[in-house]
């Protein structure tokens, strides 16, 4: 089973590493977490601060708006296709 760590734990670990109170290697060996995972936590913390580690299925702050816009574009394209088909149907019915 895959281990999961809560947001508070990740922020605490990452902030200690950023403040130079500990190192990635020390945390990795103490908690038996792979170094790349700990490094990823530090990177995300550096980039997003307390907004980092948004949780399962939630998007990071800068990605959420982009995702919402992409979904709206997709919906509008589908709507446009439906309207084109309807317009063609109405034009054919008038004949």
N, C-alpha and C. Protein backbone atom coordinates (compact mmCIF):
# COMPACT_ATOMS: atom_id res chain seq x y z
N UNK A 1 0.83 -1.19 0.00
CA UNK A 1 0.00 0.00 0.00
C UNK A 1 0.88 1.25 0.00
N UNK A 2 0.45 2.23 -0.76
CA UNK A 2 1.22 3.46 -0.90
C UNK A 2 0.99 4.37 0.30
N UNK A 3 2.08 4.90 0.83
CA UNK A 3 1.98 5.82 1.96
C UNK A 3 1.53 7.19 1.46
N UNK A 4 0.74 7.86 2.27
CA UNK A 4 0.36 9.24 1.96
C UNK A 4 0.69 10.10 3.17
N UNK A 5 1.01 11.33 2.91
CA UNK A 5 1.38 12.27 3.97
C UNK A 5 0.49 13.49 3.85
N UNK A 6 0.03 14.00 4.97
CA UNK A 6 -0.88 15.13 4.92
C UNK A 6 -0.14 16.43 4.62
N UNK A 7 -0.93 17.44 4.27
CA UNK A 7 -0.39 18.73 3.87
C UNK A 7 0.49 19.34 4.96
N UNK A 8 0.03 19.30 6.21
CA UNK A 8 0.78 19.91 7.31
C UNK A 8 2.16 19.27 7.46
N UNK A 9 2.23 17.95 7.32
CA UNK A 9 3.50 17.25 7.43
C UNK A 9 4.45 17.70 6.31
N UNK A 10 3.94 17.73 5.08
CA UNK A 10 4.78 18.12 3.94
C UNK A 10 5.27 19.56 4.09
N UNK A 11 4.39 20.46 4.52
CA UNK A 11 4.80 21.86 4.70
C UNK A 11 5.85 21.96 5.80
N UNK A 12 5.67 21.24 6.88
CA UNK A 12 6.64 21.27 7.97
C UNK A 12 8.01 20.79 7.49
N UNK A 13 8.03 19.66 6.81
CA UNK A 13 9.29 19.10 6.31
C UNK A 13 9.95 20.06 5.32
N UNK A 14 9.17 20.53 4.34
CA UNK A 14 9.73 21.42 3.31
C UNK A 14 10.23 22.72 3.91
N UNK A 15 9.49 23.29 4.86
CA UNK A 15 9.92 24.56 5.46
C UNK A 15 11.20 24.38 6.27
N UNK A 16 11.35 23.23 6.93
CA UNK A 16 12.59 22.97 7.66
C UNK A 16 13.78 22.86 6.72
N UNK A 17 13.56 22.23 5.58
CA UNK A 17 14.65 22.09 4.59
C UNK A 17 15.01 23.45 4.01
N UNK A 18 13.99 24.24 3.67
CA UNK A 18 14.23 25.58 3.12
C UNK A 18 14.95 26.47 4.13
N UNK A 19 14.58 26.33 5.40
CA UNK A 19 15.23 27.12 6.46
C UNK A 19 16.60 26.57 6.85
N UNK A 20 17.02 25.52 6.15
CA UNK A 20 18.33 24.90 6.37
C UNK A 20 18.46 24.28 7.77
N UNK A 21 17.33 23.87 8.35
CA UNK A 21 17.35 23.20 9.66
C UNK A 21 17.64 21.71 9.49
N UNK A 22 17.41 21.20 8.28
CA UNK A 22 17.68 19.80 7.97
C UNK A 22 17.94 19.70 6.48
N UNK A 23 18.22 18.48 6.02
CA UNK A 23 18.50 18.28 4.60
C UNK A 23 17.52 17.26 4.01
N UNK A 24 17.46 17.23 2.70
CA UNK A 24 16.62 16.25 2.01
C UNK A 24 17.05 14.84 2.39
N UNK A 25 18.34 14.60 2.39
CA UNK A 25 18.85 13.26 2.72
C UNK A 25 18.49 12.84 4.15
N UNK A 26 18.61 13.78 5.08
CA UNK A 26 18.30 13.47 6.48
C UNK A 26 16.82 13.12 6.64
N UNK A 27 15.96 13.90 6.01
CA UNK A 27 14.52 13.63 6.09
C UNK A 27 14.19 12.30 5.43
N UNK A 28 14.78 12.06 4.26
CA UNK A 28 14.52 10.82 3.53
C UNK A 28 14.89 9.60 4.37
N UNK A 29 16.03 9.64 5.02
CA UNK A 29 16.43 8.48 5.81
C UNK A 29 15.65 8.38 7.12
N UNK A 30 15.36 9.51 7.75
CA UNK A 30 14.62 9.48 9.02
C UNK A 30 13.20 8.94 8.86
N UNK A 31 12.51 9.38 7.81
CA UNK A 31 11.11 8.98 7.62
C UNK A 31 10.94 7.87 6.59
N UNK A 32 12.07 7.40 6.02
CA UNK A 32 12.05 6.34 5.00
C UNK A 32 11.16 6.73 3.80
N UNK A 33 11.44 7.93 3.30
CA UNK A 33 10.77 8.47 2.12
C UNK A 33 11.86 8.67 1.07
N UNK A 34 11.57 8.37 -0.18
CA UNK A 34 12.61 8.51 -1.20
C UNK A 34 13.00 9.98 -1.37
N UNK A 35 14.26 10.19 -1.66
CA UNK A 35 14.78 11.55 -1.80
C UNK A 35 14.07 12.35 -2.89
N UNK A 36 13.77 11.74 -4.07
CA UNK A 36 13.06 12.52 -5.10
C UNK A 36 11.69 13.03 -4.62
N UNK A 37 11.01 12.27 -3.80
CA UNK A 37 9.71 12.72 -3.29
C UNK A 37 9.90 13.92 -2.37
N UNK A 38 10.86 13.84 -1.48
CA UNK A 38 11.12 14.95 -0.56
C UNK A 38 11.55 16.18 -1.36
N UNK A 39 12.38 15.98 -2.37
CA UNK A 39 12.81 17.10 -3.22
C UNK A 39 11.62 17.73 -3.93
N UNK A 40 10.68 16.91 -4.36
CA UNK A 40 9.48 17.42 -5.03
C UNK A 40 8.65 18.27 -4.06
N UNK A 41 8.57 17.81 -2.82
CA UNK A 41 7.84 18.59 -1.80
C UNK A 41 8.48 19.96 -1.62
N UNK A 42 9.81 19.99 -1.54
CA UNK A 42 10.53 21.25 -1.35
C UNK A 42 10.29 22.17 -2.55
N UNK A 43 10.36 21.60 -3.75
CA UNK A 43 10.14 22.38 -4.96
C UNK A 43 8.74 22.98 -4.98
N UNK A 44 7.74 22.17 -4.67
CA UNK A 44 6.36 22.65 -4.66
C UNK A 44 6.16 23.70 -3.57
N UNK A 45 6.78 23.50 -2.42
CA UNK A 45 6.68 24.48 -1.33
C UNK A 45 7.33 25.80 -1.74
N UNK A 46 8.48 25.72 -2.38
CA UNK A 46 9.16 26.94 -2.84
C UNK A 46 8.30 27.71 -3.84
N UNK A 47 7.60 26.98 -4.66
CA UNK A 47 6.81 27.62 -5.71
C UNK A 47 5.47 28.16 -5.20
N UNK A 48 4.79 27.41 -4.33
CA UNK A 48 3.43 27.78 -3.93
C UNK A 48 3.26 28.14 -2.45
N UNK A 49 4.30 27.95 -1.66
CA UNK A 49 4.19 28.28 -0.24
C UNK A 49 3.11 27.44 0.44
N UNK A 50 2.28 28.09 1.25
CA UNK A 50 1.24 27.36 1.97
C UNK A 50 0.09 26.91 1.07
N UNK A 51 0.07 27.32 -0.18
CA UNK A 51 -0.93 26.86 -1.14
C UNK A 51 -0.54 25.50 -1.74
N UNK A 52 0.68 25.08 -1.48
CA UNK A 52 1.17 23.81 -2.03
C UNK A 52 0.40 22.64 -1.42
N UNK A 53 0.54 21.50 -2.05
CA UNK A 53 -0.04 20.25 -1.55
C UNK A 53 -1.56 20.36 -1.40
N UNK A 54 -2.20 20.72 -2.50
CA UNK A 54 -3.64 20.98 -2.46
C UNK A 54 -4.47 19.73 -2.22
N UNK A 55 -3.93 18.56 -2.45
CA UNK A 55 -4.66 17.35 -2.12
C UNK A 55 -5.04 16.53 -3.34
N UNK A 56 -5.68 15.42 -3.09
CA UNK A 56 -6.04 14.47 -4.14
C UNK A 56 -7.02 15.09 -5.13
N UNK A 57 -6.60 15.12 -6.38
CA UNK A 57 -7.49 15.58 -7.44
C UNK A 57 -7.64 17.08 -7.54
N UNK A 58 -7.09 17.82 -6.62
CA UNK A 58 -7.21 19.28 -6.68
C UNK A 58 -6.02 19.83 -7.44
N UNK A 59 -6.27 20.86 -8.16
CA UNK A 59 -5.22 21.45 -8.98
C UNK A 59 -4.45 22.52 -8.19
N UNK A 60 -3.21 22.69 -8.58
CA UNK A 60 -2.40 23.74 -7.98
C UNK A 60 -2.97 25.09 -8.43
N UNK A 61 -2.76 26.14 -7.64
CA UNK A 61 -3.41 27.42 -7.93
C UNK A 61 -3.24 27.94 -9.35
N UNK A 62 -2.04 27.85 -9.91
CA UNK A 62 -1.84 28.39 -11.25
C UNK A 62 -2.41 27.49 -12.34
N UNK A 63 -2.64 26.23 -12.04
CA UNK A 63 -3.19 25.30 -13.03
C UNK A 63 -4.72 25.29 -13.03
N UNK A 64 -5.34 25.66 -11.93
CA UNK A 64 -6.80 25.59 -11.82
C UNK A 64 -7.48 26.49 -12.84
N UNK A 65 -7.01 27.71 -13.00
CA UNK A 65 -7.63 28.64 -13.95
C UNK A 65 -7.45 28.13 -15.37
N UNK A 66 -6.27 27.65 -15.70
CA UNK A 66 -6.01 27.13 -17.04
C UNK A 66 -6.92 25.94 -17.33
N UNK A 67 -7.07 25.05 -16.37
CA UNK A 67 -7.93 23.88 -16.54
C UNK A 67 -9.38 24.31 -16.77
N UNK A 68 -9.85 25.28 -15.99
CA UNK A 68 -11.23 25.76 -16.13
C UNK A 68 -11.44 26.35 -17.52
N UNK A 69 -10.47 27.11 -18.00
CA UNK A 69 -10.58 27.71 -19.34
C UNK A 69 -10.57 26.64 -20.43
N UNK A 70 -9.73 25.63 -20.28
CA UNK A 70 -9.69 24.54 -21.26
C UNK A 70 -11.02 23.79 -21.30
N UNK A 71 -11.60 23.57 -20.12
CA UNK A 71 -12.90 22.89 -20.06
C UNK A 71 -13.99 23.73 -20.71
N UNK A 72 -13.93 25.04 -20.52
CA UNK A 72 -14.93 25.92 -21.14
C UNK A 72 -14.78 25.93 -22.66
N UNK A 73 -13.55 25.96 -23.15
CA UNK A 73 -13.32 25.90 -24.59
C UNK A 73 -13.88 24.61 -25.16
N UNK A 74 -13.64 23.50 -24.49
CA UNK A 74 -14.16 22.20 -24.92
C UNK A 74 -15.69 22.22 -25.00
N UNK A 75 -16.32 22.75 -23.94
CA UNK A 75 -17.78 22.82 -23.90
C UNK A 75 -18.32 23.71 -25.02
N UNK A 76 -17.67 24.85 -25.25
CA UNK A 76 -18.13 25.76 -26.30
C UNK A 76 -17.96 25.17 -27.69
N UNK A 77 -16.90 24.41 -27.91
CA UNK A 77 -16.72 23.74 -29.20
C UNK A 77 -17.83 22.73 -29.45
N UNK A 78 -18.17 21.96 -28.40
CA UNK A 78 -19.26 20.98 -28.53
C UNK A 78 -20.58 21.69 -28.82
N UNK A 79 -20.82 22.78 -28.11
CA UNK A 79 -22.04 23.56 -28.30
C UNK A 79 -22.10 24.12 -29.72
N UNK A 80 -20.99 24.60 -30.22
CA UNK A 80 -20.90 25.14 -31.57
C UNK A 80 -21.23 24.07 -32.61
N UNK A 81 -20.71 22.86 -32.41
CA UNK A 81 -20.99 21.76 -33.35
C UNK A 81 -22.48 21.42 -33.36
N UNK A 82 -23.10 21.41 -32.20
CA UNK A 82 -24.53 21.12 -32.11
C UNK A 82 -25.32 22.20 -32.85
N UNK A 83 -24.95 23.45 -32.66
CA UNK A 83 -25.65 24.55 -33.32
C UNK A 83 -25.48 24.49 -34.85
N UNK A 84 -24.30 24.10 -35.30
CA UNK A 84 -24.07 23.96 -36.75
C UNK A 84 -24.97 22.87 -37.32
N UNK A 85 -25.07 21.74 -36.62
CA UNK A 85 -25.92 20.64 -37.08
C UNK A 85 -27.38 21.06 -37.08
N UNK A 86 -27.79 21.80 -36.06
CA UNK A 86 -29.17 22.25 -35.98
C UNK A 86 -29.48 23.23 -37.12
N UNK A 87 -28.55 24.15 -37.39
CA UNK A 87 -28.74 25.13 -38.47
C UNK A 87 -28.85 24.39 -39.80
N UNK A 88 -28.05 23.36 -40.02
CA UNK A 88 -28.13 22.58 -41.27
C UNK A 88 -29.46 21.86 -41.34
N UNK A 89 -29.93 21.32 -40.24
CA UNK A 89 -31.22 20.63 -40.20
C UNK A 89 -32.37 21.60 -40.53
N UNK A 90 -32.35 22.78 -39.93
CA UNK A 90 -33.40 23.77 -40.17
C UNK A 90 -33.38 24.22 -41.62
N UNK A 91 -32.20 24.43 -42.18
CA UNK A 91 -32.09 24.83 -43.58
C UNK A 91 -32.64 23.75 -44.50
N UNK A 92 -32.41 22.50 -44.19
CA UNK A 92 -32.90 21.39 -45.01
C UNK A 92 -34.43 21.27 -44.88
N UNK A 93 -34.96 21.52 -43.71
CA UNK A 93 -36.41 21.44 -43.49
C UNK A 93 -37.17 22.52 -44.25
N UNK A 94 -36.53 23.67 -44.45
CA UNK A 94 -37.17 24.78 -45.16
C UNK A 94 -37.33 24.47 -46.64
N UNK A 95 -36.54 23.56 -47.17
CA UNK A 95 -36.58 23.25 -48.61
C UNK A 95 -37.79 22.49 -48.99
